[in-house]
Amino acid sequence: MNFANNNNNCTSTEALRTYQHKLYAVVYSVILAPGLLGNVLALWVFKVYIRETKKGVVFMINLAVADLLQVLSLPLRIYYYLTDTWPFGRPLCMICFYLKYVNMYASIFFLVCVSVRRCQLIMRPLRFNSSKQLRLPSLGDDVLQSLSEALRVSAQ
């Protein structure tokens, strides 16, 4: 087989860019509907059915808001990738990309917070179940305590 003739197709930057833009538009379109529906539904459930505002619930609400902001910027990105033009102005472009990175880092942060909280509840279920506890530990206390417990467990 002679691959020399086919090599030009793989190295063409314009063809690669066109393929990427079409792929991004399709993927963002697939993400848009379930992402919008899922995050709005999650926020509605938290608002209507959840009466207690525990730490885990607050983290999940923040995660849903961060994801919803990202999903709301997807139609603009889809338009850009389909038409290769951005008629919305530079400020909206910057906001769109800002939302992408804020969503990524906020999602990582809130998922870590949820994981640390669950780890604490598994490691010491009775400590955080007491209604007589006067002071709720801050997030910094939670992270430091979880790290110290993880180091203690790994050292044994």
C-alpha atoms as a PDB file:
ATOM      1  CA  MET A   1       0.000   0.000   0.000  1.00  0.00           C
ATOM      2  CA  ASN A   2       1.180   3.459  -0.811  1.00  0.00           C
ATOM      3  CA  PHE A   3       0.350   6.015   1.886  1.00  0.00           C
ATOM      4  CA  ALA A   4       2.323   8.852   0.313  1.00  0.00           C
ATOM      5  CA  ASN A   5      -0.705  10.188  -1.606  1.00  0.00           C
ATOM      6  CA  ASN A   6      -2.969  10.138   1.463  1.00  0.00           C
ATOM      7  CA  ASN A   7      -0.476  11.996   3.641  1.00  0.00           C
ATOM      8  CA  ASN A   8      -1.456  15.371   2.159  1.00  0.00           C
ATOM      9  CA  ASN A   9      -5.003  15.044   3.524  1.00  0.00           C
ATOM     10  CA  CYS A  10      -3.739  14.605   7.094  1.00  0.00           C
ATOM     11  CA  THR A  11      -1.369  17.538   7.005  1.00  0.00           C
ATOM     12  CA  SER A  12      -3.754  20.090   5.487  1.00  0.00           C
ATOM     13  CA  THR A  13      -4.402  22.546   8.297  1.00  0.00           C
ATOM     14  CA  GLU A  14      -7.511  23.983   6.640  1.00  0.00           C
ATOM     15  CA  ALA A  15      -9.104  20.546   6.222  1.00  0.00           C
ATOM     16  CA  LEU A  16      -8.245  19.684   9.814  1.00  0.00           C
ATOM     17  CA  ARG A  17      -9.688  22.966  11.048  1.00  0.00           C
ATOM     18  CA  THR A  18     -12.916  22.437   9.098  1.00  0.00           C
ATOM     19  CA  TYR A  19     -13.235  18.915  10.473  1.00  0.00           C
ATOM     20  CA  GLN A  20     -12.634  20.121  14.038  1.00  0.00           C
ATOM     21  CA  HIS A  21     -15.194  22.907  13.729  1.00  0.00           C
ATOM     22  CA  LYS A  22     -17.850  20.521  12.419  1.00  0.00           C
ATOM     23  CA  LEU A  23     -17.055  18.023  15.156  1.00  0.00           C
ATOM     24  CA  TYR A  24     -17.208  20.711  17.867  1.00  0.00           C
ATOM     25  CA  ALA A  25     -20.554  21.957  16.553  1.00  0.00           C
ATOM     26  CA  VAL A  26     -22.013  18.438  16.633  1.00  0.00           C
ATOM     27  CA  VAL A  27     -20.663  17.645  20.105  1.00  0.00           C
ATOM     28  CA  TYR A  28     -21.834  20.972  21.555  1.00  0.00           C
ATOM     29  CA  SER A  29     -25.250  20.442  19.977  1.00  0.00           C
ATOM     30  CA  VAL A  30     -25.515  17.019  21.588  1.00  0.00           C
ATOM     31  CA  ILE A  31     -24.488  18.445  24.972  1.00  0.00           C
ATOM     32  CA  LEU A  32     -26.815  21.467  24.805  1.00  0.00           C
ATOM     33  CA  ALA A  33     -30.267  19.900  25.284  1.00  0.00           C
ATOM     34  CA  PRO A  34     -29.517  17.406  28.073  1.00  0.00           C
ATOM     35  CA  GLY A  35     -27.177  19.868  29.777  1.00  0.00           C
ATOM     36  CA  LEU A  36     -29.774  22.614  29.826  1.00  0.00           C
ATOM     37  CA  LEU A  37     -32.582  20.303  30.890  1.00  0.00           C
ATOM     38  CA  GLY A  38     -30.515  18.488  33.513  1.00  0.00           C
ATOM     39  CA  ASN A  39     -29.108  21.584  35.201  1.00  0.00           C
ATOM     40  CA  VAL A  40     -32.419  23.466  35.241  1.00  0.00           C
ATOM     41  CA  LEU A  41     -34.121  20.349  36.625  1.00  0.00           C
ATOM     42  CA  ALA A  42     -31.417  19.945  39.282  1.00  0.00           C
ATOM     43  CA  LEU A  43     -31.774  23.563  40.401  1.00  0.00           C
ATOM     44  CA  TRP A  44     -35.562  23.193  40.480  1.00  0.00           C
ATOM     45  CA  VAL A  45     -35.306  20.047  42.625  1.00  0.00           C
ATOM     46  CA  PHE A  46     -32.905  21.763  45.010  1.00  0.00           C
ATOM     47  CA  LYS A  47     -35.221  24.774  45.255  1.00  0.00           C
ATOM     48  CA  VAL A  48     -38.540  22.936  45.648  1.00  0.00           C
ATOM     49  CA  TYR A  49     -37.758  19.676  47.427  1.00  0.00           C
ATOM     50  CA  ILE A  50     -34.628  20.258  49.487  1.00  0.00           C
ATOM     51  CA  ARG A  51     -35.442  22.148  52.670  1.00  0.00           C
ATOM     52  CA  GLU A  52     -32.186  21.668  54.574  1.00  0.00           C
ATOM     53  CA  THR A  53     -29.175  23.546  53.293  1.00  0.00           C
ATOM     54  CA  LYS A  54     -26.380  21.173  54.145  1.00  0.00           C
ATOM     55  CA  LYS A  55     -22.865  21.609  52.788  1.00  0.00           C
ATOM     56  CA  GLY A  56     -23.330  18.913  50.183  1.00  0.00           C
ATOM     57  CA  VAL A  57     -26.482  20.564  48.859  1.00  0.00           C
ATOM     58  CA  VAL A  58     -24.762  23.949  48.606  1.00  0.00           C
ATOM     59  CA  PHE A  59     -21.874  22.370  46.686  1.00  0.00           C
ATOM     60  CA  MET A  60     -24.285  20.629  44.311  1.00  0.00           C
ATOM     61  CA  ILE A  61     -26.240  23.858  43.698  1.00  0.00           C
ATOM     62  CA  ASN A  62     -23.007  25.687  42.878  1.00  0.00           C
ATOM     63  CA  LEU A  63     -21.970  22.871  40.549  1.00  0.00           C
ATOM     64  CA  ALA A  64     -25.332  23.043  38.728  1.00  0.00           C
ATOM     65  CA  VAL A  65     -25.076  26.842  38.383  1.00  0.00           C
ATOM     66  CA  ALA A  66     -21.534  26.610  36.991  1.00  0.00           C
ATOM     67  CA  ASP A  67     -22.611  23.963  34.479  1.00  0.00           C
ATOM     68  CA  LEU A  68     -25.721  25.919  33.511  1.00  0.00           C
ATOM     69  CA  LEU A  69     -23.658  29.018  32.732  1.00  0.00           C
ATOM     70  CA  GLN A  70     -21.414  26.940  30.498  1.00  0.00           C
ATOM     71  CA  VAL A  71     -24.391  25.357  28.726  1.00  0.00           C
ATOM     72  CA  LEU A  72     -25.960  28.781  28.113  1.00  0.00           C
ATOM     73  CA  SER A  73     -22.841  29.841  26.200  1.00  0.00           C
ATOM     74  CA  LEU A  74     -22.945  26.798  23.891  1.00  0.00           C
ATOM     75  CA  PRO A  75     -25.365  28.219  21.263  1.00  0.00           C
ATOM     76  CA  LEU A  76     -22.904  31.034  20.563  1.00  0.00           C
ATOM     77  CA  ARG A  77     -20.060  28.560  20.197  1.00  0.00           C
ATOM     78  CA  ILE A  78     -22.149  26.343  17.919  1.00  0.00           C
ATOM     79  CA  TYR A  79     -22.902  29.334  15.702  1.00  0.00           C
ATOM     80  CA  TYR A  80     -19.206  30.217  15.535  1.00  0.00           C
ATOM     81  CA  TYR A  81     -18.107  26.696  14.635  1.00  0.00           C
ATOM     82  CA  LEU A  82     -20.779  26.361  11.940  1.00  0.00           C
ATOM     83  CA  THR A  83     -20.208  29.730  10.264  1.00  0.00           C
ATOM     84  CA  ASP A  84     -16.561  30.553  11.156  1.00  0.00           C
ATOM     85  CA  THR A  85     -17.655  34.083  12.051  1.00  0.00           C
ATOM     86  CA  TRP A  86     -18.256  35.819  15.366  1.00  0.00           C
ATOM     87  CA  PRO A  87     -20.716  38.701  14.921  1.00  0.00           C
ATOM     88  CA  PHE A  88     -21.387  39.101  18.659  1.00  0.00           C
ATOM     89  CA  GLY A  89     -18.430  41.353  19.457  1.00  0.00           C
ATOM     90  CA  ARG A  90     -15.219  40.890  21.402  1.00  0.00           C
ATOM     91  CA  PRO A  91     -16.714  41.288  24.927  1.00  0.00           C
ATOM     92  CA  LEU A  92     -19.194  38.458  24.401  1.00  0.00           C
ATOM     93  CA  CYS A  93     -16.412  36.314  22.941  1.00  0.00           C
ATOM     94  CA  MET A  94     -14.298  36.892  26.025  1.00  0.00           C
ATOM     95  CA  ILE A  95     -17.255  36.130  28.325  1.00  0.00           C
ATOM     96  CA  CYS A  96     -17.907  32.910  26.417  1.00  0.00           C
ATOM     97  CA  PHE A  97     -14.345  31.679  26.844  1.00  0.00           C
ATOM     98  CA  TYR A  98     -14.267  32.925  30.436  1.00  0.00           C
ATOM     99  CA  LEU A  99     -17.369  30.837  31.217  1.00  0.00           C
ATOM    100  CA  LYS A 100     -15.686  27.785  29.718  1.00  0.00           C
ATOM    101  CA  TYR A 101     -12.696  27.995  32.045  1.00  0.00           C
ATOM    102  CA  VAL A 102     -14.668  29.121  35.089  1.00  0.00           C
ATOM    103  CA  ASN A 103     -16.923  26.129  34.589  1.00  0.00           C
ATOM    104  CA  MET A 104     -13.979  23.762  34.344  1.00  0.00           C
ATOM    105  CA  TYR A 105     -12.258  24.979  37.495  1.00  0.00           C
ATOM    106  CA  ALA A 106     -15.475  25.507  39.469  1.00  0.00           C
ATOM    107  CA  SER A 107     -16.649  21.995  38.599  1.00  0.00           C
ATOM    108  CA  ILE A 108     -13.365  20.502  39.731  1.00  0.00           C
ATOM    109  CA  PHE A 109     -13.465  22.518  42.963  1.00  0.00           C
ATOM    110  CA  PHE A 110     -17.059  21.637  43.840  1.00  0.00           C
ATOM    111  CA  LEU A 111     -16.597  17.954  42.990  1.00  0.00           C
ATOM    112  CA  VAL A 112     -13.562  17.882  45.281  1.00  0.00           C
ATOM    113  CA  CYS A 113     -15.639  19.542  48.016  1.00  0.00           C
ATOM    114  CA  VAL A 114     -18.414  16.958  47.625  1.00  0.00           C
ATOM    115  CA  SER A 115     -15.855  14.122  47.657  1.00  0.00           C
ATOM    116  CA  VAL A 116     -14.086  15.457  50.758  1.00  0.00           C
ATOM    117  CA  ARG A 117     -17.415  15.832  52.544  1.00  0.00           C
ATOM    118  CA  ARG A 118     -18.467  12.291  51.659  1.00  0.00           C
ATOM    119  CA  CYS A 119     -15.096  10.956  52.768  1.00  0.00           C
ATOM    120  CA  GLN A 120     -15.512  12.689  56.115  1.00  0.00           C
ATOM    121  CA  LEU A 121     -18.990  11.278  56.574  1.00  0.00           C
ATOM    122  CA  ILE A 122     -17.719   7.790  55.840  1.00  0.00           C
ATOM    123  CA  MET A 123     -14.644   8.075  58.074  1.00  0.00           C
ATOM    124  CA  ARG A 124     -16.499   9.574  61.060  1.00  0.00           C
ATOM    125  CA  PRO A 125     -20.258   9.209  60.640  1.00  0.00           C
ATOM    126  CA  LEU A 126     -21.201  10.111  64.212  1.00  0.00           C
ATOM    127  CA  ARG A 127     -19.105  13.249  64.427  1.00  0.00           C
ATOM    128  CA  PHE A 128     -21.017  15.145  61.745  1.00  0.00           C
ATOM    129  CA  ASN A 129     -24.440  13.694  62.594  1.00  0.00           C
ATOM    130  CA  SER A 130     -24.746  15.397  65.966  1.00  0.00           C
ATOM    131  CA  SER A 131     -27.296  18.204  66.120  1.00  0.00           C
ATOM    132  CA  LYS A 132     -25.647  19.525  69.308  1.00  0.00           C
ATOM    133  CA  GLN A 133     -22.518  20.619  67.522  1.00  0.00           C
ATOM    134  CA  LEU A 134     -22.216  24.387  67.959  1.00  0.00           C
ATOM    135  CA  ARG A 135     -19.617  25.201  65.345  1.00  0.00           C
ATOM    136  CA  LEU A 136     -19.651  23.848  61.834  1.00  0.00           C
ATOM    137  CA  PRO A 137     -16.122  23.366  60.540  1.00  0.00           C
ATOM    138  CA  SER A 138     -15.120  25.548  57.627  1.00  0.00           C
ATOM    139  CA  LEU A 139     -14.103  24.163  54.257  1.00  0.00           C
ATOM    140  CA  GLY A 140     -10.431  24.758  55.060  1.00  0.00           C
ATOM    141  CA  ASP A 141     -10.803  22.711  58.238  1.00  0.00           C
ATOM    142  CA  ASP A 142     -12.521  19.980  56.229  1.00  0.00           C
ATOM    143  CA  VAL A 143      -9.762  19.801  53.626  1.00  0.00           C
ATOM    144  CA  LEU A 144      -6.956  19.834  56.193  1.00  0.00           C
ATOM    145  CA  GLN A 145      -8.660  17.186  58.300  1.00  0.00           C
ATOM    146  CA  SER A 146      -9.253  14.943  55.289  1.00  0.00           C
ATOM    147  CA  LEU A 147      -5.651  15.324  54.137  1.00  0.00           C
ATOM    148  CA  SER A 148      -4.337  14.501  57.594  1.00  0.00           C
ATOM    149  CA  GLU A 149      -6.593  11.432  57.799  1.00  0.00           C
ATOM    150  CA  ALA A 150      -5.496  10.296  54.341  1.00  0.00           C
ATOM    151  CA  LEU A 151      -1.832  10.683  55.284  1.00  0.00           C
ATOM    152  CA  ARG A 152      -2.439   8.861  58.571  1.00  0.00           C
ATOM    153  CA  VAL A 153      -4.171   5.978  56.803  1.00  0.00           C
ATOM    154  CA  SER A 154      -1.487   5.729  54.109  1.00  0.00           C
ATOM    155  CA  ALA A 155       1.273   5.751  56.741  1.00  0.00           C
ATOM    156  CA  GLN A 156      -0.173   2.707  58.508  1.00  0.00           C
END
